[in-house]
Protein backbone atom coordinates (compact mmCIF):
# COMPACT_ATOMS: atom_id res chain seq x y z
CA MET A 1 9.48 -2.73 6.64
CA ARG A 2 6.19 -1.40 7.96
CA TYR A 3 5.13 2.17 7.23
CA PHE A 4 5.52 3.56 10.76
CA GLU A 5 8.95 1.93 11.14
CA THR A 6 10.10 3.34 7.81
CA ILE A 7 8.92 6.86 8.60
CA ALA A 8 10.63 6.73 12.00
CA LEU A 9 13.84 5.67 10.29
CA LEU A 10 13.56 8.49 7.77
CA ALA A 11 13.06 10.95 10.60
CA SER A 12 16.09 9.67 12.47
CA LEU A 13 18.21 10.06 9.35
CA GLY A 14 16.85 13.48 8.47
CA CYS A 15 19.82 15.36 9.89
CA VAL A 16 22.23 13.66 7.51
CA GLN A 17 20.09 13.31 4.39
CA ALA A 18 21.20 16.54 2.78
CA ALA A 19 24.84 15.55 3.07
CA THR A 20 24.48 11.99 1.80
CA VAL A 21 21.76 12.05 -0.87
CA VAL A 22 22.89 12.56 -4.44
CA ARG A 23 20.46 14.69 -6.43
CA GLY A 24 19.22 13.78 -9.87
CA PRO A 25 20.27 15.71 -12.98
CA LYS A 26 17.20 17.97 -12.82
CA ASP A 27 15.25 19.65 -10.04
CA PRO A 28 11.68 18.33 -9.65
CA TYR A 29 8.66 20.30 -10.76
CA PHE A 30 5.75 18.85 -8.78
CA LEU A 31 2.29 19.01 -10.36
CA LEU A 32 -0.40 17.74 -8.01
CA VAL A 33 -3.49 16.38 -9.76
CA GLY A 34 -6.55 15.16 -7.91
CA ASP A 35 -9.90 15.82 -6.30
CA SER A 36 -10.81 17.93 -3.25
CA THR A 37 -8.58 15.87 -0.97
CA THR A 38 -5.64 17.26 -2.96
CA ALA A 39 -7.13 20.66 -3.89
CA PRO A 40 -6.87 23.98 -2.04
CA ASN A 41 -9.35 24.48 0.80
CA GLY A 42 -9.77 20.88 1.80
CA GLY A 43 -6.80 18.85 0.62
CA TRP A 44 -3.13 18.18 1.32
CA GLY A 45 -1.79 19.73 -1.88
CA ASP A 46 -1.12 23.30 -0.75
CA ALA A 47 0.77 22.17 2.34
CA PHE A 48 2.82 19.78 0.22
CA SER A 49 3.63 22.59 -2.21
CA ASP A 50 4.91 24.65 0.72
CA LEU A 51 7.52 21.97 1.38
CA ALA A 52 9.25 22.50 -1.98
CA GLU A 53 12.68 24.11 -1.64
CA ASN A 54 16.21 24.30 -3.07
CA GLY A 55 15.13 24.78 -6.67
CA ALA A 56 12.07 22.53 -6.65
CA GLU A 57 8.76 23.98 -7.85
CA ALA A 58 5.23 22.83 -7.04
CA GLU A 59 1.73 23.58 -8.29
CA ASN A 60 -1.46 22.30 -6.74
CA ARG A 61 -3.87 21.52 -9.57
CA GLY A 62 -6.38 19.57 -7.54
CA LYS A 63 -10.01 20.34 -8.34
CA SER A 64 -12.86 19.84 -5.89
CA GLY A 65 -15.56 17.45 -7.07
CA SER A 66 -13.48 15.99 -9.87
CA THR A 67 -13.06 12.44 -11.09
CA THR A 68 -10.58 10.75 -13.39
CA ILE A 69 -12.90 11.87 -16.20
CA SER A 70 -14.06 15.34 -15.21
CA TRP A 71 -10.66 16.66 -14.12
CA LYS A 72 -9.49 16.46 -17.73
CA THR A 73 -12.23 18.81 -18.98
CA ASN A 74 -12.29 22.62 -19.15
CA GLY A 75 -8.74 22.75 -20.48
CA ARG A 76 -7.09 21.31 -17.36
CA TRP A 77 -5.57 18.32 -19.15
CA ASP A 78 -4.27 20.40 -22.06
CA ASP A 79 -2.81 22.92 -19.60
CA LEU A 80 -1.08 20.13 -17.71
CA LEU A 81 0.50 18.68 -20.84
CA GLU A 82 1.56 22.17 -21.93
CA THR A 83 3.26 22.75 -18.57
CA VAL A 84 5.04 19.41 -18.83
CA ALA A 85 6.26 20.33 -22.30
CA ASN A 86 7.42 23.76 -21.15
CA VAL A 87 9.36 22.67 -18.07
CA LYS A 88 10.81 19.27 -18.96
CA ALA A 89 13.96 20.70 -20.52
CA ASP A 90 14.98 22.25 -17.19
CA TYR A 91 13.06 20.19 -14.60
CA GLU A 92 11.79 16.70 -14.02
CA PRO A 93 7.99 17.15 -14.19
CA VAL A 94 6.61 14.93 -11.44
CA VAL A 95 2.83 14.52 -11.59
CA THR A 96 1.06 13.01 -8.60
CA VAL A 97 -2.38 11.63 -9.43
CA GLN A 98 -4.87 10.96 -6.62
CA PHE A 99 -8.54 10.31 -7.34
CA GLY A 100 -11.23 8.03 -5.96
CA HIS A 101 -13.53 9.96 -3.64
CA ASN A 102 -15.84 11.10 -6.43
CA ASP A 103 -15.08 8.27 -8.87
CA GLN A 104 -16.49 5.95 -6.22
CA LYS A 105 -19.84 7.72 -6.50
CA SER A 106 -20.21 7.70 -10.27
CA LEU A 107 -17.85 5.23 -11.94
CA THR A 108 -17.27 1.50 -11.86
CA LEU A 109 -13.97 0.09 -10.73
CA ASP A 110 -13.18 -0.94 -14.29
CA GLU A 111 -13.85 2.58 -15.55
CA TYR A 112 -11.65 4.00 -12.82
CA ARG A 113 -8.85 1.62 -13.72
CA ALA A 114 -9.11 2.42 -17.44
CA ASN A 115 -9.03 6.16 -16.78
CA LEU A 116 -5.99 5.91 -14.52
CA LEU A 117 -4.25 3.74 -17.09
CA SER A 118 -4.85 6.37 -19.77
CA ILE A 119 -3.68 9.22 -17.53
CA ALA A 120 -0.50 7.46 -16.45
CA THR A 121 0.36 6.26 -19.95
CA ASP A 122 -0.22 9.66 -21.55
CA LEU A 123 1.82 11.47 -18.90
CA LYS A 124 4.68 9.05 -19.33
CA GLU A 125 4.61 9.50 -23.10
CA ALA A 126 4.59 13.30 -22.62
CA GLY A 127 7.86 13.12 -20.72
CA ALA A 128 6.49 13.45 -17.19
CA THR A 129 7.07 11.20 -14.20
CA PRO A 130 3.59 10.11 -13.10
CA ILE A 131 3.24 8.92 -9.52
CA LEU A 132 -0.11 7.36 -8.68
CA VAL A 133 -1.47 7.92 -5.18
CA THR A 134 -4.06 5.70 -3.54
CA PRO A 135 -7.03 7.64 -2.04
CA LEU A 136 -6.73 9.44 1.27
CA THR A 137 -8.82 7.63 3.87
CA ARG A 138 -12.00 9.19 5.14
CA ARG A 139 -12.14 9.77 8.88
CA ASN A 140 -15.62 8.30 9.35
CA TRP A 141 -16.25 5.95 12.27
CA VAL A 142 -19.12 3.60 13.13
CA ASP A 143 -19.21 1.90 16.54
CA ASN A 144 -15.58 2.85 17.18
CA GLU A 145 -14.46 1.31 13.89
CA LEU A 146 -12.87 3.39 11.12
CA GLN A 147 -14.78 2.83 7.89
CA GLN A 148 -12.47 1.61 5.15
CA ASP A 149 -14.07 2.64 1.89
CA PHE A 150 -11.23 2.34 -0.57
CA LYS A 151 -9.90 -1.22 -0.42
CA ASP A 152 -10.87 -2.09 -4.00
CA TRP A 153 -10.01 1.35 -5.36
CA ARG A 154 -6.60 1.21 -3.74
CA GLY A 155 -6.01 -2.11 -5.44
CA LYS A 156 -6.79 -0.66 -8.86
CA VAL A 157 -4.31 2.20 -8.37
CA ILE A 158 -1.53 -0.18 -7.42
CA ALA A 159 -2.33 -2.53 -10.31
CA VAL A 160 -2.25 0.32 -12.84
CA ALA A 161 1.05 1.63 -11.48
CA LYS A 162 2.61 -1.80 -11.85
CA GLU A 163 1.16 -2.25 -15.34
CA VAL A 164 2.46 1.08 -16.62
CA GLY A 165 5.75 0.76 -14.77
CA VAL A 166 5.45 3.85 -12.57
CA LYS A 167 5.74 4.40 -8.84
CA TYR A 168 2.81 4.65 -6.47
CA LEU A 169 2.30 6.04 -2.98
CA ASP A 170 0.01 3.99 -0.76
CA LEU A 171 -1.68 6.91 0.97
CA THR A 172 -4.77 4.80 1.71
CA LEU A 173 -2.74 2.40 3.83
CA ALA A 174 -0.57 5.06 5.49
CA SER A 175 -3.41 7.44 6.31
CA THR A 176 -5.62 4.60 7.55
CA LYS A 177 -2.90 3.36 9.89
CA TYR A 178 -2.31 6.83 11.28
CA VAL A 179 -6.00 7.66 11.76
CA LYS A 180 -6.65 4.32 13.46
CA ALA A 181 -3.62 4.84 15.68
CA ILE A 182 -4.75 8.24 16.99
CA GLY A 183 -8.40 7.23 17.34
CA GLU A 184 -11.76 8.71 16.51
CA GLU A 185 -11.74 11.81 18.71
CA ASP A 186 -8.31 13.06 17.69
CA SER A 187 -8.91 12.28 14.01
CA GLN A 188 -11.79 14.78 13.97
CA TYR A 189 -9.29 17.55 14.76
CA TYR A 190 -8.37 17.57 11.05
CA ASN A 191 -11.93 18.06 9.72
CA LEU A 192 -12.48 21.09 7.51
CA SER A 193 -15.86 21.56 9.20
CA GLU A 194 -17.74 19.76 11.94
CA GLY A 195 -18.73 16.27 10.86
CA ASP A 196 -16.71 16.42 7.62
CA GLY A 197 -14.52 13.34 7.74
CA THR A 198 -13.31 13.76 4.17
CA HIS A 199 -11.84 17.24 3.77
CA LEU A 200 -8.88 18.67 5.65
CA ASN A 201 -8.42 21.87 7.57
CA GLU A 202 -5.01 23.58 7.73
CA ALA A 203 -3.70 21.20 10.38
CA GLY A 204 -4.92 18.20 8.42
CA GLY A 205 -3.24 19.49 5.30
CA ILE A 206 0.06 19.74 7.16
CA ILE A 207 -0.22 16.25 8.66
CA PHE A 208 -1.26 14.38 5.54
CA SER A 209 1.08 16.29 3.23
CA ARG A 210 3.87 15.17 5.55
CA ILE A 211 2.73 11.60 5.08
CA VAL A 212 2.69 12.06 1.31
CA ALA A 213 6.16 13.63 1.36
CA ASP A 214 7.61 10.86 3.52
CA LEU A 215 6.04 8.19 1.31
CA LEU A 216 7.53 9.91 -1.72
CA LEU A 217 10.98 9.96 -0.12
CA GLN A 218 10.73 6.21 0.37
CA LYS A 219 10.33 5.84 -3.40
CA ARG A 220 12.57 8.72 -4.50
CA SER A 221 15.34 9.35 -1.98
CA ASP A 222 16.91 11.81 -4.43
CA PHE A 223 14.06 14.22 -3.61
CA ALA A 224 15.20 14.54 0.02
CA GLY A 225 16.94 17.85 -0.58
CA TYR A 226 13.88 19.25 -2.32
CA LEU A 227 11.20 18.69 0.33
CA ARG A 228 11.63 20.49 3.62
CA ALA A 229 12.04 18.01 6.45
CA ASN A 230 10.18 18.10 9.75
CA GLU A 231 11.73 15.44 11.94
CA ALA A 232 9.46 16.10 14.91
CA LEU A 233 6.31 15.69 12.83
CA SER A 234 7.58 12.67 10.91
CA ASP A 235 8.55 11.07 14.22
CA LYS A 236 5.08 11.60 15.72
CA ILE A 237 3.31 10.28 12.64
CA GLY A 238 5.67 7.34 12.42
CA ALA A 239 4.96 6.45 16.03
CA GLY A 240 1.20 6.76 15.53
CA ARG A 241 0.93 9.68 17.96
CA PHE A 242 -1.51 12.56 17.54
CA ALA A 243 0.04 15.63 15.93
CA THR A 244 -1.43 19.13 15.73
CA GLY A 245 0.59 20.41 12.78
CA ASP A 246 2.44 22.89 15.00
CA GLU A 247 5.40 20.57 15.44
């Protein structure tokens, strides 16, 4: 089933999800790891965290400018593992991992793959549930064509997820489809500043966090009661129609 069709179906079922979905034994504790496209002031992470409800917790640990190497410095990695250790008795620590925008500038694809493999393996061994996320598309256009910068990087994320045996969210594919559907002019509505086709303003955070949440629900339907639904927004995104974030 294609992405837009699946999201539309999820939206149509939203009114009955809470009554039909059986929750897991533990509430999720979402820990969002990534670069500026996840981080506060430019990413989708804060808006995603705002969706957590009914006992779920969420922390946005995205760091602007970071790569799969640099994010782990300055105590961030140790702090993450400590949090996992502290909460796993009472929660399911779910760690989303989305990098690529800065790795693309400084690392080879093989280095990127090796770093993701290490991160996912170590998180799994620590008792967390790692979920790898392919990079958010940039909203850069040339001659009316959306530039697709992450094809090879997306492939590495998916390959690592399959190798480690963890789930992945194909945000590259989903965000690319949505941005192409709404077109160049409307896609610029989500820019953090004029001409910035990478980072997200508040509206962009709401839109793309909704995409992340709906992708996650495809993979983990037991999280439906933990992430606040927005049927109107999911329906618009699923249909490829421009959304302002006020839905």
